[in-house]
PDB file of N, CA and C in Angstrom:
ATOM      1  N   MET A   1       0.924  -1.209   0.027  1.00  0.00           N
ATOM      2  CA  MET A   1      -0.009   0.034  -0.071  1.00  0.00           C
ATOM      3  C   MET A   1       0.800   1.345  -0.106  1.00  0.00           C
ATOM      4  N   SER A   2       0.669   2.002  -1.080  1.00  0.00           N
ATOM      5  CA  SER A   2       1.322   3.472  -0.952  1.00  0.00           C
ATOM      6  C   SER A   2       0.961   4.523  -0.109  1.00  0.00           C
ATOM      7  N   ASP A   3       1.800   5.390   0.187  1.00  0.00           N
ATOM      8  CA  ASP A   3       1.393   6.751   0.844  1.00  0.00           C
ATOM      9  C   ASP A   3       0.577   7.746   0.162  1.00  0.00           C
ATOM     10  N   LEU A   4       0.400   7.307  -1.073  1.00  0.00           N
ATOM     11  CA  LEU A   4      -0.067   8.526  -1.915  1.00  0.00           C
ATOM     12  C   LEU A   4      -1.733   8.642  -1.626  1.00  0.00           C
ATOM     13  N   THR A   5      -2.159   9.908  -1.592  1.00  0.00           N
ATOM     14  CA  THR A   5      -3.429   9.922  -1.621  1.00  0.00           C
ATOM     15  C   THR A   5      -3.829  11.129  -2.518  1.00  0.00           C
ATOM     16  N   VAL A   6      -5.083  10.987  -2.793  1.00  0.00           N
ATOM     17  CA  VAL A   6      -5.729  11.959  -4.031  1.00  0.00           C
ATOM     18  C   VAL A   6      -6.902  12.669  -3.408  1.00  0.00           C
ATOM     19  N   THR A   7      -6.956  14.160  -3.465  1.00  0.00           N
ATOM     20  CA  THR A   7      -8.172  14.633  -2.818  1.00  0.00           C
ATOM     21  C   THR A   7      -8.616  15.548  -3.914  1.00  0.00           C
ATOM     22  N   LYS A   8     -10.086  15.385  -4.303  1.00  0.00           N
ATOM     23  CA  LYS A   8     -10.646  16.178  -5.424  1.00  0.00           C
ATOM     24  C   LYS A   8     -10.634  17.504  -4.943  1.00  0.00           C
ATOM     25  N   THR A   9     -10.490  18.386  -5.909  1.00  0.00           N
ATOM     26  CA  THR A   9     -10.657  19.922  -5.660  1.00  0.00           C
ATOM     27  C   THR A   9     -11.820  20.446  -6.258  1.00  0.00           C
ATOM     28  N   ARG A  10     -12.037  19.963  -7.566  1.00  0.00           N
ATOM     29  CA  ARG A  10     -13.238  20.375  -8.442  1.00  0.00           C
ATOM     30  C   ARG A  10     -13.279  19.795  -9.491  1.00  0.00           C
ATOM     31  N   LEU A  11     -14.502  19.759 -10.265  1.00  0.00           N
ATOM     32  CA  LEU A  11     -14.707  19.468 -11.424  1.00  0.00           C
ATOM     33  C   LEU A  11     -15.365  20.643 -12.243  1.00  0.00           C
ATOM     34  N   PHE A  12     -14.660  21.349 -13.154  1.00  0.00           N
ATOM     35  CA  PHE A  12     -14.876  22.591 -13.667  1.00  0.00           C
ATOM     36  C   PHE A  12     -14.573  22.647 -15.142  1.00  0.00           C
ATOM     37  N   GLN A  13     -15.566  22.831 -16.188  1.00  0.00           N
ATOM     38  CA  GLN A  13     -15.514  23.180 -17.506  1.00  0.00           C
ATOM     39  C   GLN A  13     -14.731  21.649 -18.231  1.00  0.00           C
ATOM     40  N   GLY A  14     -15.247  20.642 -17.723  1.00  0.00           N
ATOM     41  CA  GLY A  14     -14.826  19.440 -18.373  1.00  0.00           C
ATOM     42  C   GLY A  14     -13.541  18.917 -17.597  1.00  0.00           C
ATOM     43  N   VAL A  15     -13.182  19.392 -16.667  1.00  0.00           N
ATOM     44  CA  VAL A  15     -11.572  19.046 -16.248  1.00  0.00           C
ATOM     45  C   VAL A  15     -11.809  18.808 -14.756  1.00  0.00           C
ATOM     46  N   TRP A  16     -11.294  17.572 -14.592  1.00  0.00           N
ATOM     47  CA  TRP A  16     -11.460  16.969 -12.984  1.00  0.00           C
ATOM     48  C   TRP A  16     -10.096  17.462 -12.399  1.00  0.00           C
ATOM     49  N   GLU A  17     -10.070  17.908 -11.226  1.00  0.00           N
ATOM     50  CA  GLU A  17      -8.967  18.450 -10.659  1.00  0.00           C
ATOM     51  C   GLU A  17      -8.793  18.013  -9.093  1.00  0.00           C
ATOM     52  N   GLY A  18      -7.426  17.721  -8.735  1.00  0.00           N
ATOM     53  CA  GLY A  18      -7.183  17.294  -7.533  1.00  0.00           C
ATOM     54  C   GLY A  18      -5.792  17.400  -7.199  1.00  0.00           C
ATOM     55  N   ILE A  19      -5.613  17.147  -5.957  1.00  0.00           N
ATOM     56  CA  ILE A  19      -4.110  17.310  -5.158  1.00  0.00           C
ATOM     57  C   ILE A  19      -3.881  15.889  -4.955  1.00  0.00           C
ATOM     58  N   VAL A  20      -2.540  15.316  -5.376  1.00  0.00           N
ATOM     59  CA  VAL A  20      -1.856  14.268  -4.970  1.00  0.00           C
ATOM     60  C   VAL A  20      -0.957  14.598  -3.968  1.00  0.00           C
ATOM     61  N   SER A  21      -1.008  13.777  -2.707  1.00  0.00           N
ATOM     62  CA  SER A  21      -0.037  14.171  -1.584  1.00  0.00           C
ATOM     63  C   SER A  21       0.447  12.830  -1.207  1.00  0.00           C
ATOM     64  N   GLY A  22       1.622  12.684  -0.320  1.00  0.00           N
ATOM     65  CA  GLY A  22       2.231  11.688   0.113  1.00  0.00           C
ATOM     66  C   GLY A  22       3.441  11.107  -0.415  1.00  0.00           C
ATOM     67  N   ALA A  23       3.827  11.841  -1.784  1.00  0.00           N
ATOM     68  CA  ALA A  23       4.958  11.424  -2.567  1.00  0.00           C
ATOM     69  C   ALA A  23       6.348  11.835  -1.718  1.00  0.00           C
ATOM     70  N   PRO A  24       7.382  11.339  -1.728  1.00  0.00           N
ATOM     71  CA  PRO A  24       8.666  11.846  -1.208  1.00  0.00           C
ATOM     72  C   PRO A  24       9.064  13.122  -1.782  1.00  0.00           C
ATOM     73  N   LYS A  25       9.384  13.863  -1.064  1.00  0.00           N
ATOM     74  CA  LYS A  25       9.646  15.268  -1.309  1.00  0.00           C
ATOM     75  C   LYS A  25      10.761  15.276  -2.686  1.00  0.00           C
ATOM     76  N   GLY A  26      10.213  16.030  -3.714  1.00  0.00           N
ATOM     77  CA  GLY A  26      10.843  16.067  -4.964  1.00  0.00           C
ATOM     78  C   GLY A  26      10.804  14.949  -5.702  1.00  0.00           C
ATOM     79  N   GLN A  27      10.062  13.944  -5.577  1.00  0.00           N
ATOM     80  CA  GLN A  27       9.744  12.791  -6.316  1.00  0.00           C
ATOM     81  C   GLN A  27       8.477  12.760  -6.900  1.00  0.00           C
ATOM     82  N   ARG A  28       8.472  12.845  -8.275  1.00  0.00           N
ATOM     83  CA  ARG A  28       7.166  12.947  -8.950  1.00  0.00           C
ATOM     84  C   ARG A  28       6.585  11.731  -8.728  1.00  0.00           C
ATOM     85  N   PRO A  29       5.132  11.458  -8.529  1.00  0.00           N
ATOM     86  CA  PRO A  29       4.448  10.284  -8.401  1.00  0.00           C
ATOM     87  C   PRO A  29       4.049   9.727  -9.623  1.00  0.00           C
ATOM     88  N   THR A  30       3.970   8.363  -9.774  1.00  0.00           N
ATOM     89  CA  THR A  30       3.736   7.848 -11.019  1.00  0.00           C
ATOM     90  C   THR A  30       2.214   7.610 -10.975  1.00  0.00           C
ATOM     91  N   ILE A  31       1.172   8.404 -11.714  1.00  0.00           N
ATOM     92  CA  ILE A  31      -0.180   8.404 -11.592  1.00  0.00           C
ATOM     93  C   ILE A  31      -0.599   7.869 -13.027  1.00  0.00           C
ATOM     94  N   ALA A  32      -1.795   6.774 -12.933  1.00  0.00           N
ATOM     95  CA  ALA A  32      -2.223   6.250 -14.113  1.00  0.00           C
ATOM     96  C   ALA A  32      -3.836   6.709 -14.017  1.00  0.00           C
ATOM     97  N   VAL A  33      -4.334   7.165 -14.982  1.00  0.00           N
ATOM     98  CA  VAL A  33      -5.804   7.468 -15.041  1.00  0.00           C
ATOM     99  C   VAL A  33      -6.436   6.634 -16.153  1.00  0.00           C
ATOM    100  N   THR A  34      -7.471   5.947 -15.762  1.00  0.00           N
ATOM    101  CA  THR A  34      -8.035   5.133 -17.095  1.00  0.00           C
ATOM    102  C   THR A  34      -9.532   5.218 -17.039  1.00  0.00           C
ATOM    103  N   HIS A  35     -10.127   4.967 -18.120  1.00  0.00           N
ATOM    104  CA  HIS A  35     -11.631   5.092 -18.424  1.00  0.00           C
ATOM    105  C   HIS A  35     -11.818   3.822 -19.367  1.00  0.00           C
ATOM    106  N   LEU A  36     -12.617   2.983 -19.128  1.00  0.00           N
ATOM    107  CA  LEU A  36     -12.807   1.908 -19.777  1.00  0.00           C
ATOM    108  C   LEU A  36     -11.705   1.183 -19.971  1.00  0.00           C
ATOM    109  N   GLU A  37     -10.785   0.927 -18.934  1.00  0.00           N
ATOM    110  CA  GLU A  37      -9.605   0.305 -18.992  1.00  0.00           C
ATOM    111  C   GLU A  37      -8.586   0.695 -19.968  1.00  0.00           C
ATOM    112  N   GLN A  38      -8.636   2.031 -20.297  1.00  0.00           N
ATOM    113  CA  GLN A  38      -7.872   2.669 -21.455  1.00  0.00           C
ATOM    114  C   GLN A  38      -7.220   3.912 -20.697  1.00  0.00           C
ATOM    115  N   PRO A  39      -6.193   4.245 -21.002  1.00  0.00           N
ATOM    116  CA  PRO A  39      -5.277   5.319 -20.483  1.00  0.00           C
ATOM    117  C   PRO A  39      -6.223   6.692 -20.895  1.00  0.00           C
ATOM    118  N   VAL A  40      -6.247   7.577 -20.106  1.00  0.00           N
ATOM    119  CA  VAL A  40      -6.924   8.847 -20.430  1.00  0.00           C
ATOM    120  C   VAL A  40      -5.812   9.802 -20.802  1.00  0.00           C
ATOM    121  N   PRO A  41      -6.115  10.337 -22.036  1.00  0.00           N
ATOM    122  CA  PRO A  41      -4.948  11.213 -22.730  1.00  0.00           C
ATOM    123  C   PRO A  41      -5.025  12.446 -21.932  1.00  0.00           C
ATOM    124  N   ASP A  42      -3.849  13.060 -22.105  1.00  0.00           N
ATOM    125  CA  ASP A  42      -3.693  14.547 -21.539  1.00  0.00           C
ATOM    126  C   ASP A  42      -3.984  14.910 -19.970  1.00  0.00           C
ATOM    127  N   ALA A  43      -3.879  13.803 -19.299  1.00  0.00           N
ATOM    128  CA  ALA A  43      -3.912  13.861 -17.709  1.00  0.00           C
ATOM    129  C   ALA A  43      -2.402  14.748 -17.336  1.00  0.00           C
ATOM    130  N   GLU A  44      -2.575  15.687 -16.662  1.00  0.00           N
ATOM    131  CA  GLU A  44      -1.378  16.278 -16.301  1.00  0.00           C
ATOM    132  C   GLU A  44      -1.146  16.339 -14.899  1.00  0.00           C
ATOM    133  N   LEU A  45       0.177  16.247 -14.510  1.00  0.00           N
ATOM    134  CA  LEU A  45       0.492  16.214 -13.075  1.00  0.00           C
ATOM    135  C   LEU A  45       1.646  17.371 -12.698  1.00  0.00           C
ATOM    136  N   THR A  46       1.348  18.374 -12.053  1.00  0.00           N
ATOM    137  CA  THR A  46       2.496  19.378 -11.933  1.00  0.00           C
ATOM    138  C   THR A  46       2.657  19.760 -10.447  1.00  0.00           C
ATOM    139  N   GLU A  47       3.874  19.918 -10.207  1.00  0.00           N
ATOM    140  CA  GLU A  47       4.082  20.188  -8.753  1.00  0.00           C
ATOM    141  C   GLU A  47       3.649  21.582  -8.211  1.00  0.00           C
ATOM    142  N   THR A  48       3.196  21.591  -7.061  1.00  0.00           N
ATOM    143  CA  THR A  48       2.615  22.730  -6.380  1.00  0.00           C
ATOM    144  C   THR A  48       3.873  23.470  -5.536  1.00  0.00           C
ATOM    145  N   ALA A  49       3.646  24.713  -5.140  1.00  0.00           N
ATOM    146  CA  ALA A  49       4.592  25.439  -4.404  1.00  0.00           C
ATOM    147  C   ALA A  49       4.916  24.570  -3.110  1.00  0.00           C
ATOM    148  N   ASP A  50       4.000  24.060  -2.505  1.00  0.00           N
ATOM    149  CA  ASP A  50       4.176  23.626  -1.298  1.00  0.00           C
ATOM    150  C   ASP A  50       4.792  21.969  -1.193  1.00  0.00           C
ATOM    151  N   GLY A  51       5.167  21.634  -2.468  1.00  0.00           N
ATOM    152  CA  GLY A  51       5.667  20.249  -2.634  1.00  0.00           C
ATOM    153  C   GLY A  51       4.561  19.061  -2.905  1.00  0.00           C
ATOM    154  N   GLY A  52       3.250  19.379  -3.060  1.00  0.00           N
ATOM    155  CA  GLY A  52       2.264  18.458  -3.438  1.00  0.00           C
ATOM    156  C   GLY A  52       2.212  18.483  -5.076  1.00  0.00           C
ATOM    157  N   TRP A  53       1.169  17.701  -5.316  1.00  0.00           N
ATOM    158  CA  TRP A  53       1.365  17.565  -6.942  1.00  0.00           C
ATOM    159  C   TRP A  53      -0.339  17.821  -7.322  1.00  0.00           C
ATOM    160  N   HIS A  54      -0.400  18.719  -8.175  1.00  0.00           N
ATOM    161  CA  HIS A  54      -1.835  19.193  -8.894  1.00  0.00           C
ATOM    162  C   HIS A  54      -2.033  18.208  -9.972  1.00  0.00           C
ATOM    163  N   LEU A  55      -3.266  17.489  -9.997  1.00  0.00           N
ATOM    164  CA  LEU A  55      -3.752  16.690 -10.989  1.00  0.00           C
ATOM    165  C   LEU A  55      -4.826  17.180 -11.721  1.00  0.00           C
ATOM    166  N   ARG A  56      -4.571  17.218 -13.127  1.00  0.00           N
ATOM    167  CA  ARG A  56      -5.717  17.680 -14.096  1.00  0.00           C
ATOM    168  C   ARG A  56      -5.980  16.663 -14.906  1.00  0.00           C
ATOM    169  N   ILE A  57      -7.439  16.237 -14.969  1.00  0.00           N
ATOM    170  CA  ILE A  57      -7.710  15.239 -15.931  1.00  0.00           C
ATOM    171  C   ILE A  57      -8.825  15.598 -16.744  1.00  0.00           C
ATOM    172  N   PRO A  58      -8.626  15.865 -17.965  1.00  0.00           N
ATOM    173  CA  PRO A  58      -9.672  16.432 -19.203  1.00  0.00           C
ATOM    174  C   PRO A  58     -10.595  15.424 -19.181  1.00  0.00           C
ATOM    175  N   VAL A  59     -11.799  15.573 -19.252  1.00  0.00           N
ATOM    176  CA  VAL A  59     -12.835  14.471 -19.443  1.00  0.00           C
ATOM    177  C   VAL A  59     -12.861  14.263 -20.954  1.00  0.00           C
ATOM    178  N   PRO A  60     -12.689  13.228 -21.484  1.00  0.00           N
ATOM    179  CA  PRO A  60     -12.793  12.964 -22.775  1.00  0.00           C
ATOM    180  C   PRO A  60     -14.106  12.993 -23.397  1.00  0.00           C
ATOM    181  N   ARG A  61     -14.449  13.459 -24.755  1.00  0.00           N
ATOM    182  CA  ARG A  61     -15.675  13.787 -25.130  1.00  0.00           C
ATOM    183  C   ARG A  61     -16.495  12.425 -25.302  1.00  0.00           C
ATOM    184  N   ALA A  62     -15.754  11.500 -25.519  1.00  0.00           N
ATOM    185  CA  ALA A  62     -16.337  10.005 -25.555  1.00  0.00           C
ATOM    186  C   ALA A  62     -17.006   9.662 -24.401  1.00  0.00           C
ATOM    187  N   ALA A  63     -16.683  10.188 -23.108  1.00  0.00           N
ATOM    188  CA  ALA A  63     -17.353   9.967 -21.832  1.00  0.00           C
ATOM    189  C   ALA A  63     -18.571  10.658 -21.593  1.00  0.00           C
ATOM    190  N   LEU A  64     -18.909  11.755 -22.611  1.00  0.00           N
ATOM    191  CA  LEU A  64     -20.063  12.413 -22.466  1.00  0.00           C
ATOM    192  C   LEU A  64     -21.106  11.976 -23.417  1.00  0.00           C
ATOM    193  N   SER A  65     -21.616  10.755 -22.722  1.00  0.00           N
ATOM    194  CA  SER A  65     -22.739  10.049 -23.588  1.00  0.00           C
ATOM    195  C   SER A  65     -23.635   9.372 -22.556  1.00  0.00           C
ATOM    196  N   ASP A  66     -24.506   8.651 -22.987  1.00  0.00           N
ATOM    197  CA  ASP A  66     -25.528   8.013 -22.091  1.00  0.00           C
ATOM    198  C   ASP A  66     -24.949   6.959 -21.339  1.00  0.00           C
ATOM    199  N   GLY A  67     -25.141   7.091 -19.997  1.00  0.00           N
ATOM    200  CA  GLY A  67     -24.680   5.946 -19.198  1.00  0.00           C
ATOM    201  C   GLY A  67     -23.714   6.701 -18.060  1.00  0.00           C
ATOM    202  N   ILE A  68     -23.111   5.695 -17.348  1.00  0.00           N
ATOM    203  CA  ILE A  68     -22.340   6.054 -16.298  1.00  0.00           C
ATOM    204  C   ILE A  68     -20.856   5.677 -16.746  1.00  0.00           C
ATOM    205  N   HIS A  69     -20.019   6.656 -16.730  1.00  0.00           N
ATOM    206  CA  HIS A  69     -18.530   6.522 -17.092  1.00  0.00           C
ATOM    207  C   HIS A  69     -17.669   6.711 -15.922  1.00  0.00           C
ATOM    208  N   THR A  70     -17.115   5.603 -15.498  1.00  0.00           N
ATOM    209  CA  THR A  70     -16.022   5.859 -14.377  1.00  0.00           C
ATOM    210  C   THR A  70     -14.656   5.888 -14.654  1.00  0.00           C
ATOM    211  N   PHE A  71     -13.928   6.831 -14.005  1.00  0.00           N
ATOM    212  CA  PHE A  71     -12.480   7.138 -14.345  1.00  0.00           C
ATOM    213  C   PHE A  71     -11.773   6.531 -12.862  1.00  0.00           C
ATOM    214  N   LEU A  72     -10.740   5.696 -13.238  1.00  0.00           N
ATOM    215  CA  LEU A  72     -10.133   5.273 -11.897  1.00  0.00           C
ATOM    216  C   LEU A  72      -8.634   6.142 -12.068  1.00  0.00           C
ATOM    217  N   ILE A  73      -8.245   6.503 -10.782  1.00  0.00           N
ATOM    218  CA  ILE A  73      -6.973   7.151 -10.642  1.00  0.00           C
ATOM    219  C   ILE A  73      -6.196   6.166  -9.833  1.00  0.00           C
ATOM    220  N   ARG A  74      -4.960   5.723 -10.386  1.00  0.00           N
ATOM    221  CA  ARG A  74      -4.103   4.626  -9.630  1.00  0.00           C
ATOM    222  C   ARG A  74      -2.706   4.981  -9.432  1.00  0.00           C
ATOM    223  N   ASN A  75      -1.997   4.347  -8.498  1.00  0.00           N
ATOM    224  CA  ASN A  75      -0.658   4.554  -8.407  1.00  0.00           C
ATOM    225  C   ASN A  75      -0.053   3.550  -9.363  1.00  0.00           C
ATOM    226  N   ALA A  76       0.737   4.033 -10.454  1.00  0.00           N
ATOM    227  CA  ALA A  76       1.040   3.229 -11.594  1.00  0.00           C
ATOM    228  C   ALA A  76       2.030   2.335 -11.185  1.00  0.00           C
ATOM    229  N   ASP A  77       2.797   2.603 -10.050  1.00  0.00           N
ATOM    230  CA  ASP A  77       3.969   1.677  -9.634  1.00  0.00           C
ATOM    231  C   ASP A  77       3.358   0.434  -8.774  1.00  0.00           C
ATOM    232  N   THR A  78       2.273   0.581  -8.135  1.00  0.00           N
ATOM    233  CA  THR A  78       1.592  -0.486  -7.290  1.00  0.00           C
ATOM    234  C   THR A  78       0.313  -1.010  -7.909  1.00  0.00           C
ATOM    235  N   GLY A  79      -0.283  -0.195  -8.784  1.00  0.00           N
ATOM    236  CA  GLY A  79      -1.639  -0.690  -9.213  1.00  0.00           C
ATOM    237  C   GLY A  79      -2.811  -0.169  -8.286  1.00  0.00           C
ATOM    238  N   GLU A  80      -2.502   0.282  -7.163  1.00  0.00           N
ATOM    239  CA  GLU A  80      -3.531   0.560  -6.083  1.00  0.00           C
ATOM    240  C   GLU A  80      -4.318   1.726  -6.382  1.00  0.00           C
ATOM    241  N   THR A  81      -5.618   1.605  -6.408  1.00  0.00           N
ATOM    242  CA  THR A  81      -6.606   2.609  -6.861  1.00  0.00           C
ATOM    243  C   THR A  81      -6.562   3.627  -5.642  1.00  0.00           C
ATOM    244  N   LEU A  82      -6.334   4.924  -6.248  1.00  0.00           N
ATOM    245  CA  LEU A  82      -6.047   5.911  -5.133  1.00  0.00           C
ATOM    246  C   LEU A  82      -7.515   6.705  -4.930  1.00  0.00           C
ATOM    247  N   ASP A  83      -8.366   6.923  -6.193  1.00  0.00           N
ATOM    248  CA  ASP A  83      -9.479   7.584  -6.200  1.00  0.00           C
ATOM    249  C   ASP A  83     -10.153   7.242  -7.411  1.00  0.00           C
ATOM    250  N   SER A  84     -11.433   7.660  -7.527  1.00  0.00           N
ATOM    251  CA  SER A  84     -12.385   7.547  -8.978  1.00  0.00           C
ATOM    252  C   SER A  84     -13.382   8.721  -8.855  1.00  0.00           C
ATOM    253  N   PHE A  85     -13.910   8.767 -10.110  1.00  0.00           N
ATOM    254  CA  PHE A  85     -14.902   9.785 -10.140  1.00  0.00           C
ATOM    255  C   PHE A  85     -15.815   9.133 -11.327  1.00  0.00           C
ATOM    256  N   ALA A  86     -17.024   9.330 -11.357  1.00  0.00           N
ATOM    257  CA  ALA A  86     -18.071   9.098 -12.285  1.00  0.00           C
ATOM    258  C   ALA A  86     -18.696  10.282 -12.959  1.00  0.00           C
ATOM    259  N   ILE A  87     -18.899  10.088 -14.104  1.00  0.00           N
ATOM    260  CA  ILE A  87     -19.860  11.114 -14.998  1.00  0.00           C
ATOM    261  C   ILE A  87     -21.078  10.361 -15.474  1.00  0.00           C
ATOM    262  N   LEU A  88     -22.212  10.755 -15.054  1.00  0.00           N
ATOM    263  CA  LEU A  88     -23.528  10.254 -15.491  1.00  0.00           C
ATOM    264  C   LEU A  88     -24.255  11.285 -16.271  1.00  0.00           C
ATOM    265  N   ALA A  89     -24.727  10.658 -17.540  1.00  0.00           N
ATOM    266  CA  ALA A  89     -25.411  11.630 -18.519  1.00  0.00           C
ATOM    267  C   ALA A  89     -26.487  10.716 -19.168  1.00  0.00           C
ATOM    268  N   GLY A  90     -27.363  11.610 -19.817  1.00  0.00           N
ATOM    269  CA  GLY A  90     -28.341  10.869 -20.711  1.00  0.00           C
ATOM    270  C   GLY A  90     -29.390  10.068 -20.040  1.00  0.00           C
ATOM    271  N   GLU A  91     -29.907   9.089 -20.689  1.00  0.00           N
ATOM    272  CA  GLU A  91     -30.983   7.983 -20.186  1.00  0.00           C
ATOM    273  C   GLU A  91     -30.700   7.382 -19.084  1.00  0.00           C
ATOM    274  N   ALA A  92     -29.331   7.261 -18.717  1.00  0.00           N
ATOM    275  CA  ALA A  92     -29.216   6.542 -17.361  1.00  0.00           C
ATOM    276  C   ALA A  92     -29.605   7.459 -16.216  1.00  0.00           C
ATOM    277  N   LEU A  93     -29.840   8.581 -16.420  1.00  0.00           N
ATOM    278  CA  LEU A  93     -30.242   9.480 -15.287  1.00  0.00           C
ATOM    279  C   LEU A  93     -31.894   9.545 -15.238  1.00  0.00           C
ATOM    280  N   ALA A  94     -32.610   9.102 -16.130  1.00  0.00           N
ATOM    281  CA  ALA A  94     -33.981   8.949 -16.110  1.00  0.00           C
ATOM    282  C   ALA A  94     -34.509   8.352 -14.811  1.00  0.00           C
ATOM    283  N   ASP A  95     -33.925   7.148 -14.413  1.00  0.00           N
ATOM    284  CA  ASP A  95     -34.264   6.467 -13.049  1.00  0.00           C
ATOM    285  C   ASP A  95     -33.366   6.780 -11.679  1.00  0.00           C
ATOM    286  N   ASP A  96     -32.329   7.676 -11.983  1.00  0.00           N
ATOM    287  CA  ASP A  96     -31.414   8.144 -10.806  1.00  0.00           C
ATOM    288  C   ASP A  96     -32.353   9.000  -9.851  1.00  0.00           C
ATOM    289  N   ILE A  97     -32.233   8.650  -8.690  1.00  0.00           N
ATOM    290  CA  ILE A  97     -32.913   9.331  -7.648  1.00  0.00           C
ATOM    291  C   ILE A  97     -32.526  10.716  -7.445  1.00  0.00           C
ATOM    292  N   ARG A  98     -31.320  11.110  -7.822  1.00  0.00           N
ATOM    293  CA  ARG A  98     -30.739  12.486  -7.747  1.00  0.00           C
ATOM    294  C   ARG A  98     -31.564  13.155  -8.751  1.00  0.00           C
ATOM    295  N   ALA A  99     -31.727  12.664 -10.115  1.00  0.00           N
ATOM    296  CA  ALA A  99     -32.248  13.520 -10.956  1.00  0.00           C
ATOM    297  C   ALA A  99     -33.830  13.649 -10.651  1.00  0.00           C
ATOM    298  N   GLU A 100     -34.422  12.663  -9.886  1.00  0.00           N
ATOM    299  CA  GLU A 100     -35.749  12.736  -9.439  1.00  0.00           C
ATOM    300  C   GLU A 100     -36.068  13.884  -8.427  1.00  0.00           C
ATOM    301  N   MET A 101     -35.063  13.875  -7.596  1.00  0.00           N
ATOM    302  CA  MET A 101     -34.889  14.882  -6.446  1.00  0.00           C
ATOM    303  C   MET A 101     -34.893  16.394  -7.177  1.00  0.00           C
ATOM    304  N   ASP A 102     -33.900  16.448  -8.196  1.00  0.00           N
ATOM    305  CA  ASP A 102     -33.918  17.632  -8.970  1.00  0.00           C
ATOM    306  C   ASP A 102     -35.213  18.231  -9.484  1.00  0.00           C
ATOM    307  N   LEU A 103     -36.052  17.132 -10.177  1.00  0.00           N
ATOM    308  CA  LEU A 103     -37.170  17.464 -10.612  1.00  0.00           C
ATOM    309  C   LEU A 103     -38.268  17.855  -9.691  1.00  0.00           C
ATOM    310  N   LEU A 104     -38.302  17.009  -8.569  1.00  0.00           N
ATOM    311  CA  LEU A 104     -39.254  17.397  -7.418  1.00  0.00           C
ATOM    312  C   LEU A 104     -38.776  19.027  -7.082  1.00  0.00           C
ATOM    313  N   ARG A 105     -37.504  19.086  -6.793  1.00  0.00           N
ATOM    314  CA  ARG A 105     -37.279  20.741  -6.282  1.00  0.00           C
ATOM    315  C   ARG A 105     -37.729  21.776  -7.255  1.00  0.00           C
ATOM    316  N   GLU A 106     -37.589  21.475  -8.551  1.00  0.00           N
ATOM    317  CA  GLU A 106     -38.221  22.521  -9.479  1.00  0.00           C
ATOM    318  C   GLU A 106     -39.684  22.603  -9.437  1.00  0.00           C
ATOM    319  N   GLU A 107     -40.333  21.411  -9.474  1.00  0.00           N
ATOM    320  CA  GLU A 107     -41.774  21.415  -9.202  1.00  0.00           C
ATOM    321  C   GLU A 107     -42.127  22.130  -7.954  1.00  0.00           C
ATOM    322  N   LEU A 108     -41.519  21.920  -6.893  1.00  0.00           N
ATOM    323  CA  LEU A 108     -41.981  22.558  -5.612  1.00  0.00           C
ATOM    324  C   LEU A 108     -41.659  23.893  -5.754  1.00  0.00           C
ATOM    325  N   ASP A 109     -40.470  24.419  -6.283  1.00  0.00           N
ATOM    326  CA  ASP A 109     -40.404  25.967  -6.622  1.00  0.00           C
ATOM    327  C   ASP A 109     -41.627  26.546  -7.415  1.00  0.00           C
ATOM    328  N   LEU A 110     -42.023  25.768  -8.539  1.00  0.00           N
ATOM    329  CA  LEU A 110     -43.111  26.468  -9.207  1.00  0.00           C
ATOM    330  C   LEU A 110     -44.336  26.373  -8.335  1.00  0.00           C
ATOM    331  N   LEU A 111     -44.681  25.453  -7.564  1.00  0.00           N
ATOM    332  CA  LEU A 111     -45.752  25.713  -6.758  1.00  0.00           C
ATOM    333  C   LEU A 111     -45.751  26.631  -5.577  1.00  0.00           C
ATOM    334  N   LYS A 112     -44.378  26.912  -5.214  1.00  0.00           N
ATOM    335  CA  LYS A 112     -44.396  27.878  -4.142  1.00  0.00           C
ATOM    336  C   LYS A 112     -44.526  29.368  -4.586  1.00  0.00           C
ATOM    337  N   ARG A 113     -44.054  29.494  -5.937  1.00  0.00           N
ATOM    338  CA  ARG A 113     -44.429  30.740  -6.723  1.00  0.00           C
ATOM    339  C   ARG A 113     -45.922  30.992  -6.924  1.00  0.00           C
ATOM    340  N   ALA A 114     -46.514  29.820  -7.349  1.00  0.00           N
ATOM    341  CA  ALA A 114     -47.966  30.066  -7.565  1.00  0.00           C
ATOM    342  C   ALA A 114     -48.755  30.425  -6.550  1.00  0.00           C
ATOM    343  N   PHE A 115     -48.454  29.440  -5.448  1.00  0.00           N
ATOM    344  CA  PHE A 115     -49.105  29.720  -3.986  1.00  0.00           C
ATOM    345  C   PHE A 115     -48.809  31.259  -3.570  1.00  0.00           C
ATOM    346  N   ARG A 116     -47.640  31.825  -3.721  1.00  0.00           N
ATOM    347  CA  ARG A 116     -47.260  33.213  -3.260  1.00  0.00           C
ATOM    348  C   ARG A 116     -48.437  33.915  -3.930  1.00  0.00           C
ATOM    349  N   ARG A 117     -48.197  33.848  -5.373  1.00  0.00           N
ATOM    350  CA  ARG A 117     -49.032  34.769  -6.340  1.00  0.00           C
ATOM    351  C   ARG A 117     -50.596  34.709  -5.948  1.00  0.00           C
ATOM    352  N   HIS A 118     -51.024  33.513  -5.635  1.00  0.00           N
ATOM    353  CA  HIS A 118     -52.594  33.233  -5.291  1.00  0.00           C
ATOM    354  C   HIS A 118     -52.735  34.068  -3.993  1.00  0.00           C
ATOM    355  N   CYS A 119     -51.854  33.866  -2.908  1.00  0.00           N
ATOM    356  CA  CYS A 119     -52.083  34.743  -1.647  1.00  0.00           C
ATOM    357  C   CYS A 119     -52.020  36.136  -1.952  1.00  0.00           C
ATOM    358  N   LEU A 120     -51.241  36.687  -2.810  1.00  0.00           N
ATOM    359  CA  LEU A 120     -51.075  38.171  -2.946  1.00  0.00           C
ATOM    360  C   LEU A 120     -52.551  38.652  -3.766  1.00  0.00           C
ATOM    361  N   GLU A 121     -53.005  37.748  -4.590  1.00  0.00           N
ATOM    362  CA  GLU A 121     -54.144  38.168  -5.352  1.00  0.00           C
ATOM    363  C   GLU A 121     -55.328  38.189  -4.573  1.00  0.00           C
ATOM    364  N   THR A 122     -55.465  37.169  -3.627  1.00  0.00           N
ATOM    365  CA  THR A 122     -56.563  37.033  -2.774  1.00  0.00           C
ATOM    366  C   THR A 122     -56.773  37.875  -1.602  1.00  0.00           C
ATOM    367  N   MET A 123     -55.579  38.690  -1.388  1.00  0.00           N
ATOM    368  CA  MET A 123     -55.698  39.590  -0.188  1.00  0.00           C
ATOM    369  C   MET A 123     -56.605  40.906  -0.067  1.00  0.00           C
TER     370      MET A 123
END
């Protein structure tokens, strides 16, 4: 088991970003990022001012399609999985509870606005 850890910082404009820590000072960790068991192109690892490492993983366009697409971030030396993230899109979301909750929130907001308007009109 390695001392490497990966902490997500954000997913913004199609790029997943995180911090890799636990590598010996000045030694670049060897990180492998895969999607569907294939290497993800253009993943970048750059050293930060405090000796950590900033990981940037551009989400490939092929992963922006119906279904759930999982990305694995591994220690390339040991094969240990350090982190993962998933992109959900399209038809797979139709039955997803989070999508249902989002729809319910939108409907509730619509009902609240209509109720408030009704209360103001009947005063």
